[in-house]
Amino acid sequence: MKKRNTRAPKDRSIKLAAWVTGIISLISALLGSFVGASIAADSSLQLQLDQFKEQRLDESRKVRGEAYQKFLDAADGAERGTEEILECMLRLDLTRRTMKAECKKDIDATQEAVEVVYRSRDAIAVNGSGEAIKLSYEILYSVAEEDVKGFNFVRPYILDLEGDGPIDLPYYGLREKFQHQMCVEINPLPGPC
């Protein structure tokens, strides 16, 4: 009679248990690696998206700031030209009807400056906020009126010189409001402007 091997089933169950434990450990390691890699990839993607968004905001602020500054420079030029027309009128004691011939040089220079204001305002219409667009129109019409024939170099307050009303200087107040709006929109750090 042959002796039965009683150890074989016990050895087999130990081997099976070791094999199952090894597979479970491998699956756990793979799942842990997958979850960790997924979290790392998601964090990396979010970081890249945040950096891209910040770059776009910086670029937008830069383009907007350049457009706003170009507009203000052009408006300042038109304002100076209009003041020169006013000085010419006062110096020569002219009425609006006779000033065109006497102050032609100042009028032509101001006419060109106003055209630059109109062109630079277009960049604000493309890149600016709603409030900046509104203020740019107000500045534009405080610097020069537009008539059917094109550009009219005479600001509304100069026309009041022929009447008894006070001289109104709306440009400077509007310019200050525009500069404040520019600061709010372009400044990347929150704070007072």
C-alpha atoms as a PDB file:
ATOM      1  CA  MET A   1       0.000   0.000   0.000  1.00  0.00           C
ATOM      2  CA  LYS A   2       1.069   3.356  -0.940  1.00  0.00           C
ATOM      3  CA  LYS A   3       1.312   6.153   1.439  1.00  0.00           C
ATOM      4  CA  ARG A   4      -0.796   9.137   0.698  1.00  0.00           C
ATOM      5  CA  ASN A   5       0.831  12.509   0.341  1.00  0.00           C
ATOM      6  CA  THR A   6      -1.090  14.775   2.659  1.00  0.00           C
ATOM      7  CA  ARG A   7       1.213  17.683   2.132  1.00  0.00           C
ATOM      8  CA  ALA A   8       0.333  18.311  -1.490  1.00  0.00           C
ATOM      9  CA  PRO A   9      -3.049  19.944  -0.987  1.00  0.00           C
ATOM     10  CA  LYS A  10      -1.676  22.132   1.766  1.00  0.00           C
ATOM     11  CA  ASP A  11       1.270  23.221  -0.386  1.00  0.00           C
ATOM     12  CA  ARG A  12      -1.071  23.841  -3.258  1.00  0.00           C
ATOM     13  CA  SER A  13      -3.341  26.077  -1.206  1.00  0.00           C
ATOM     14  CA  ILE A  14      -0.356  28.031   0.086  1.00  0.00           C
ATOM     15  CA  LYS A  15       0.920  28.504  -3.450  1.00  0.00           C
ATOM     16  CA  LEU A  16      -2.534  29.534  -4.617  1.00  0.00           C
ATOM     17  CA  ALA A  17      -2.873  31.995  -1.746  1.00  0.00           C
ATOM     18  CA  ALA A  18       0.560  33.459  -2.520  1.00  0.00           C
ATOM     19  CA  TRP A  19      -0.303  33.672  -6.188  1.00  0.00           C
ATOM     20  CA  VAL A  20      -3.665  35.418  -5.475  1.00  0.00           C
ATOM     21  CA  THR A  21      -1.983  37.783  -3.020  1.00  0.00           C
ATOM     22  CA  GLY A  22       0.671  38.610  -5.629  1.00  0.00           C
ATOM     23  CA  ILE A  23      -1.947  39.302  -8.296  1.00  0.00           C
ATOM     24  CA  ILE A  24      -3.984  41.467  -5.913  1.00  0.00           C
ATOM     25  CA  SER A  25      -0.823  43.384  -4.981  1.00  0.00           C
ATOM     26  CA  LEU A  26       0.025  43.847  -8.673  1.00  0.00           C
ATOM     27  CA  ILE A  27      -3.486  45.050  -9.488  1.00  0.00           C
ATOM     28  CA  SER A  28      -3.440  47.402  -6.501  1.00  0.00           C
ATOM     29  CA  ALA A  29      -0.069  48.786  -7.552  1.00  0.00           C
ATOM     30  CA  LEU A  30      -1.247  49.288 -11.133  1.00  0.00           C
ATOM     31  CA  LEU A  31      -4.479  50.962 -10.003  1.00  0.00           C
ATOM     32  CA  GLY A  32      -2.576  53.179  -7.576  1.00  0.00           C
ATOM     33  CA  SER A  33      -0.135  54.148 -10.310  1.00  0.00           C
ATOM     34  CA  PHE A  34      -2.991  54.845 -12.700  1.00  0.00           C
ATOM     35  CA  VAL A  35      -4.886  56.978 -10.169  1.00  0.00           C
ATOM     36  CA  GLY A  36      -1.708  58.842  -9.173  1.00  0.00           C
ATOM     37  CA  ALA A  37      -0.755  59.446 -12.804  1.00  0.00           C
ATOM     38  CA  SER A  38      -4.295  60.589 -13.569  1.00  0.00           C
ATOM     39  CA  ILE A  39      -4.247  63.060 -10.684  1.00  0.00           C
ATOM     40  CA  ALA A  40      -0.783  64.312 -11.676  1.00  0.00           C
ATOM     41  CA  ALA A  41      -1.841  64.705 -15.321  1.00  0.00           C
ATOM     42  CA  ASP A  42      -5.008  66.543 -14.295  1.00  0.00           C
ATOM     43  CA  SER A  43      -3.024  68.876 -12.037  1.00  0.00           C
ATOM     44  CA  SER A  44      -0.478  69.499 -14.776  1.00  0.00           C
ATOM     45  CA  LEU A  45      -3.213  70.208 -17.315  1.00  0.00           C
ATOM     46  CA  GLN A  46      -4.954  72.598 -14.925  1.00  0.00           C
ATOM     47  CA  LEU A  47      -1.664  74.387 -14.263  1.00  0.00           C
ATOM     48  CA  GLN A  48      -1.040  74.764 -17.997  1.00  0.00           C
ATOM     49  CA  LEU A  49      -4.574  76.054 -18.553  1.00  0.00           C
ATOM     50  CA  ASP A  50      -4.144  78.586 -15.740  1.00  0.00           C
ATOM     51  CA  GLN A  51      -0.808  79.728 -17.195  1.00  0.00           C
ATOM     52  CA  PHE A  52      -2.345  80.026 -20.669  1.00  0.00           C
ATOM     53  CA  LYS A  53      -5.264  82.012 -19.280  1.00  0.00           C
ATOM     54  CA  GLU A  54      -2.883  84.360 -17.431  1.00  0.00           C
ATOM     55  CA  GLN A  55      -0.806  84.827 -20.592  1.00  0.00           C
ATOM     56  CA  ARG A  56      -3.932  85.717 -22.566  1.00  0.00           C
ATOM     57  CA  LEU A  57      -5.012  88.177 -19.870  1.00  0.00           C
ATOM     58  CA  ASP A  58      -1.546  89.774 -19.856  1.00  0.00           C
ATOM     59  CA  GLU A  59      -1.578  90.020 -23.637  1.00  0.00           C
ATOM     60  CA  SER A  60      -5.095  91.452 -23.604  1.00  0.00           C
ATOM     61  CA  ARG A  61      -4.097  94.032 -20.970  1.00  0.00           C
ATOM     62  CA  LYS A  62      -1.061  94.995 -23.030  1.00  0.00           C
ATOM     63  CA  VAL A  63      -3.023  95.414 -26.286  1.00  0.00           C
ATOM     64  CA  ARG A  64      -5.816  97.246 -24.473  1.00  0.00           C
ATOM     65  CA  GLY A  65      -3.337  99.508 -22.677  1.00  0.00           C
ATOM     66  CA  GLU A  66      -1.585 100.410 -25.930  1.00  0.00           C
ATOM     67  CA  ALA A  67      -4.905 101.201 -27.618  1.00  0.00           C
ATOM     68  CA  TYR A  68      -6.069 103.302 -24.659  1.00  0.00           C
ATOM     69  CA  GLN A  69      -2.786 105.216 -24.451  1.00  0.00           C
ATOM     70  CA  LYS A  70      -2.715 105.857 -28.205  1.00  0.00           C
ATOM     71  CA  PHE A  71      -6.258 107.203 -27.989  1.00  0.00           C
ATOM     72  CA  LEU A  72      -5.416 109.496 -25.060  1.00  0.00           C
ATOM     73  CA  ASP A  73      -2.303 110.783 -26.835  1.00  0.00           C
ATOM     74  CA  ALA A  74      -4.341 111.520 -29.959  1.00  0.00           C
ATOM     75  CA  ALA A  75      -7.085 113.213 -27.935  1.00  0.00           C
ATOM     76  CA  ASP A  76      -4.483 115.309 -26.110  1.00  0.00           C
ATOM     77  CA  GLY A  77      -3.099 116.399 -29.476  1.00  0.00           C
ATOM     78  CA  ALA A  78      -6.543 117.392 -30.694  1.00  0.00           C
ATOM     79  CA  GLU A  79      -7.197 119.206 -27.412  1.00  0.00           C
ATOM     80  CA  ARG A  80      -3.948 121.175 -27.737  1.00  0.00           C
ATOM     81  CA  GLY A  81      -4.839 122.038 -31.331  1.00  0.00           C
ATOM     82  CA  THR A  82      -8.272 123.229 -30.322  1.00  0.00           C
ATOM     83  CA  GLU A  83      -6.745 125.360 -27.587  1.00  0.00           C
ATOM     84  CA  GLU A  84      -4.407 126.867 -30.186  1.00  0.00           C
ATOM     85  CA  ILE A  85      -7.417 127.734 -32.360  1.00  0.00           C
ATOM     86  CA  LEU A  86      -9.051 129.345 -29.326  1.00  0.00           C
ATOM     87  CA  GLU A  87      -5.871 131.314 -28.557  1.00  0.00           C
ATOM     88  CA  CYS A  88      -5.683 132.439 -32.187  1.00  0.00           C
ATOM     89  CA  MET A  89      -9.297 133.590 -32.057  1.00  0.00           C
ATOM     90  CA  LEU A  90      -8.779 135.471 -28.804  1.00  0.00           C
ATOM     91  CA  ARG A  91      -5.448 136.945 -29.918  1.00  0.00           C
ATOM     92  CA  LEU A  92      -6.944 138.270 -33.143  1.00  0.00           C
ATOM     93  CA  ASP A  93     -10.372 139.015 -31.614  1.00  0.00           C
ATOM     94  CA  LEU A  94     -12.088 136.945 -34.295  1.00  0.00           C
ATOM     95  CA  THR A  95     -15.556 135.552 -34.674  1.00  0.00           C
ATOM     96  CA  ARG A  96     -16.153 132.042 -35.930  1.00  0.00           C
ATOM     97  CA  ARG A  97     -16.964 133.382 -39.379  1.00  0.00           C
ATOM     98  CA  THR A  98     -13.601 135.052 -39.885  1.00  0.00           C
ATOM     99  CA  MET A  99     -11.324 132.655 -38.052  1.00  0.00           C
ATOM    100  CA  LYS A 100     -10.912 130.141 -40.889  1.00  0.00           C
ATOM    101  CA  ALA A 101      -8.639 132.401 -42.918  1.00  0.00           C
ATOM    102  CA  GLU A 102      -6.704 133.890 -39.995  1.00  0.00           C
ATOM    103  CA  CYS A 103      -6.108 130.677 -38.060  1.00  0.00           C
ATOM    104  CA  LYS A 104      -5.755 128.263 -41.012  1.00  0.00           C
ATOM    105  CA  LYS A 105      -2.490 126.687 -39.817  1.00  0.00           C
ATOM    106  CA  ASP A 106      -3.946 125.855 -36.399  1.00  0.00           C
ATOM    107  CA  ILE A 107      -7.198 124.652 -37.934  1.00  0.00           C
ATOM    108  CA  ASP A 108      -5.444 122.314 -40.380  1.00  0.00           C
ATOM    109  CA  ALA A 109      -3.231 120.849 -37.647  1.00  0.00           C
ATOM    110  CA  THR A 110      -6.219 120.322 -35.382  1.00  0.00           C
ATOM    111  CA  GLN A 111      -8.189 118.760 -38.229  1.00  0.00           C
ATOM    112  CA  GLU A 112      -5.422 116.180 -38.695  1.00  0.00           C
ATOM    113  CA  ALA A 113      -5.228 115.547 -34.946  1.00  0.00           C
ATOM    114  CA  VAL A 114      -8.982 114.944 -34.780  1.00  0.00           C
ATOM    115  CA  GLU A 115      -8.734 112.439 -37.633  1.00  0.00           C
ATOM    116  CA  VAL A 116      -6.084 110.568 -35.618  1.00  0.00           C
ATOM    117  CA  VAL A 117      -8.480 110.538 -32.647  1.00  0.00           C
ATOM    118  CA  TYR A 118     -11.178 108.980 -34.824  1.00  0.00           C
ATOM    119  CA  ARG A 119      -8.798 106.294 -36.104  1.00  0.00           C
ATOM    120  CA  SER A 120      -7.363 105.486 -32.684  1.00  0.00           C
ATOM    121  CA  ARG A 121     -10.867 105.216 -31.233  1.00  0.00           C
ATOM    122  CA  ASP A 122     -11.483 102.302 -33.602  1.00  0.00           C
ATOM    123  CA  ALA A 123      -8.891 100.228 -31.702  1.00  0.00           C
ATOM    124  CA  ILE A 124     -10.858 100.841 -28.515  1.00  0.00           C
ATOM    125  CA  ALA A 125     -14.023  99.646 -30.229  1.00  0.00           C
ATOM    126  CA  VAL A 126     -12.211  96.370 -30.971  1.00  0.00           C
ATOM    127  CA  ASN A 127     -10.189  95.878 -27.763  1.00  0.00           C
ATOM    128  CA  GLY A 128     -11.917  97.996 -25.144  1.00  0.00           C
ATOM    129  CA  SER A 129     -14.566  97.362 -22.551  1.00  0.00           C
ATOM    130  CA  GLY A 130     -18.075  98.753 -22.830  1.00  0.00           C
ATOM    131  CA  GLU A 131     -17.316 101.541 -20.363  1.00  0.00           C
ATOM    132  CA  ALA A 132     -14.107 102.508 -22.192  1.00  0.00           C
ATOM    133  CA  ILE A 133     -15.954 102.590 -25.518  1.00  0.00           C
ATOM    134  CA  LYS A 134     -18.631 104.852 -24.016  1.00  0.00           C
ATOM    135  CA  LEU A 135     -16.035 107.195 -22.523  1.00  0.00           C
ATOM    136  CA  SER A 136     -14.043 107.251 -25.774  1.00  0.00           C
ATOM    137  CA  TYR A 137     -17.133 108.459 -27.639  1.00  0.00           C
ATOM    138  CA  GLU A 138     -17.692 111.166 -25.044  1.00  0.00           C
ATOM    139  CA  ILE A 139     -14.064 112.272 -25.316  1.00  0.00           C
ATOM    140  CA  LEU A 140     -14.232 112.170 -29.072  1.00  0.00           C
ATOM    141  CA  TYR A 141     -17.238 114.460 -29.198  1.00  0.00           C
ATOM    142  CA  SER A 142     -15.831 116.751 -26.546  1.00  0.00           C
ATOM    143  CA  VAL A 143     -12.763 117.242 -28.731  1.00  0.00           C
ATOM    144  CA  ALA A 144     -14.587 117.677 -32.035  1.00  0.00           C
ATOM    145  CA  GLU A 145     -18.073 117.530 -33.391  1.00  0.00           C
ATOM    146  CA  GLU A 146     -18.800 115.347 -36.384  1.00  0.00           C
ATOM    147  CA  ASP A 147     -20.943 116.842 -39.096  1.00  0.00           C
ATOM    148  CA  VAL A 148     -22.371 115.412 -42.330  1.00  0.00           C
ATOM    149  CA  LYS A 149     -19.367 116.507 -44.399  1.00  0.00           C
ATOM    150  CA  GLY A 150     -16.825 114.765 -42.191  1.00  0.00           C
ATOM    151  CA  PHE A 151     -14.712 116.266 -39.465  1.00  0.00           C
ATOM    152  CA  ASN A 152     -15.534 119.577 -37.869  1.00  0.00           C
ATOM    153  CA  PHE A 153     -12.559 120.939 -35.974  1.00  0.00           C
ATOM    154  CA  VAL A 154     -14.506 123.244 -33.668  1.00  0.00           C
ATOM    155  CA  ARG A 155     -15.453 121.886 -30.280  1.00  0.00           C
ATOM    156  CA  PRO A 156     -18.878 122.689 -28.848  1.00  0.00           C
ATOM    157  CA  TYR A 157     -17.539 124.962 -26.111  1.00  0.00           C
ATOM    158  CA  ILE A 158     -15.768 127.223 -28.605  1.00  0.00           C
ATOM    159  CA  LEU A 159     -19.095 127.934 -30.259  1.00  0.00           C
ATOM    160  CA  ASP A 160     -20.260 129.328 -26.910  1.00  0.00           C
ATOM    161  CA  LEU A 161     -17.734 132.163 -27.229  1.00  0.00           C
ATOM    162  CA  GLU A 162     -20.091 133.936 -29.574  1.00  0.00           C
ATOM    163  CA  GLY A 163     -22.822 133.758 -26.950  1.00  0.00           C
ATOM    164  CA  ASP A 164     -22.908 134.866 -23.355  1.00  0.00           C
ATOM    165  CA  GLY A 165     -22.556 131.370 -21.851  1.00  0.00           C
ATOM    166  CA  PRO A 166     -19.545 130.217 -19.860  1.00  0.00           C
ATOM    167  CA  ILE A 167     -16.757 128.250 -21.499  1.00  0.00           C
ATOM    168  CA  ASP A 168     -17.213 124.563 -20.731  1.00  0.00           C
ATOM    169  CA  LEU A 169     -14.147 122.298 -20.669  1.00  0.00           C
ATOM    170  CA  PRO A 170     -15.564 118.759 -20.600  1.00  0.00           C
ATOM    171  CA  TYR A 171     -12.434 117.130 -22.018  1.00  0.00           C
ATOM    172  CA  TYR A 172     -10.368 117.163 -18.831  1.00  0.00           C
ATOM    173  CA  GLY A 173     -13.040 115.556 -16.662  1.00  0.00           C
ATOM    174  CA  LEU A 174     -13.718 112.900 -19.285  1.00  0.00           C
ATOM    175  CA  ARG A 175     -10.005 112.257 -19.687  1.00  0.00           C
ATOM    176  CA  GLU A 176      -9.697 111.707 -15.946  1.00  0.00           C
ATOM    177  CA  LYS A 177     -12.592 109.218 -16.010  1.00  0.00           C
ATOM    178  CA  PHE A 178     -11.031 107.428 -18.976  1.00  0.00           C
ATOM    179  CA  GLN A 179      -7.668 107.211 -17.203  1.00  0.00           C
ATOM    180  CA  HIS A 180      -9.368 105.720 -14.140  1.00  0.00           C
ATOM    181  CA  GLN A 181     -11.129 103.141 -16.336  1.00  0.00           C
ATOM    182  CA  MET A 182      -7.806 102.409 -18.028  1.00  0.00           C
ATOM    183  CA  CYS A 183      -6.165 101.807 -14.647  1.00  0.00           C
ATOM    184  CA  VAL A 184      -8.953  99.495 -13.501  1.00  0.00           C
ATOM    185  CA  GLU A 185      -8.805  97.395 -16.675  1.00  0.00           C
ATOM    186  CA  ILE A 186      -5.053  97.253 -17.218  1.00  0.00           C
ATOM    187  CA  ASN A 187      -3.707  96.964 -13.683  1.00  0.00           C
ATOM    188  CA  PRO A 188      -3.196  93.223 -13.018  1.00  0.00           C
ATOM    189  CA  LEU A 189      -3.200  93.721  -9.260  1.00  0.00           C
ATOM    190  CA  PRO A 190      -6.384  94.658  -7.437  1.00  0.00           C
ATOM    191  CA  GLY A 191      -6.240  97.925  -5.637  1.00  0.00           C
ATOM    192  CA  PRO A 192      -7.086 101.573  -5.870  1.00  0.00           C
ATOM    193  CA  CYS A 193      -6.483 103.432  -9.083  1.00  0.00           C
END
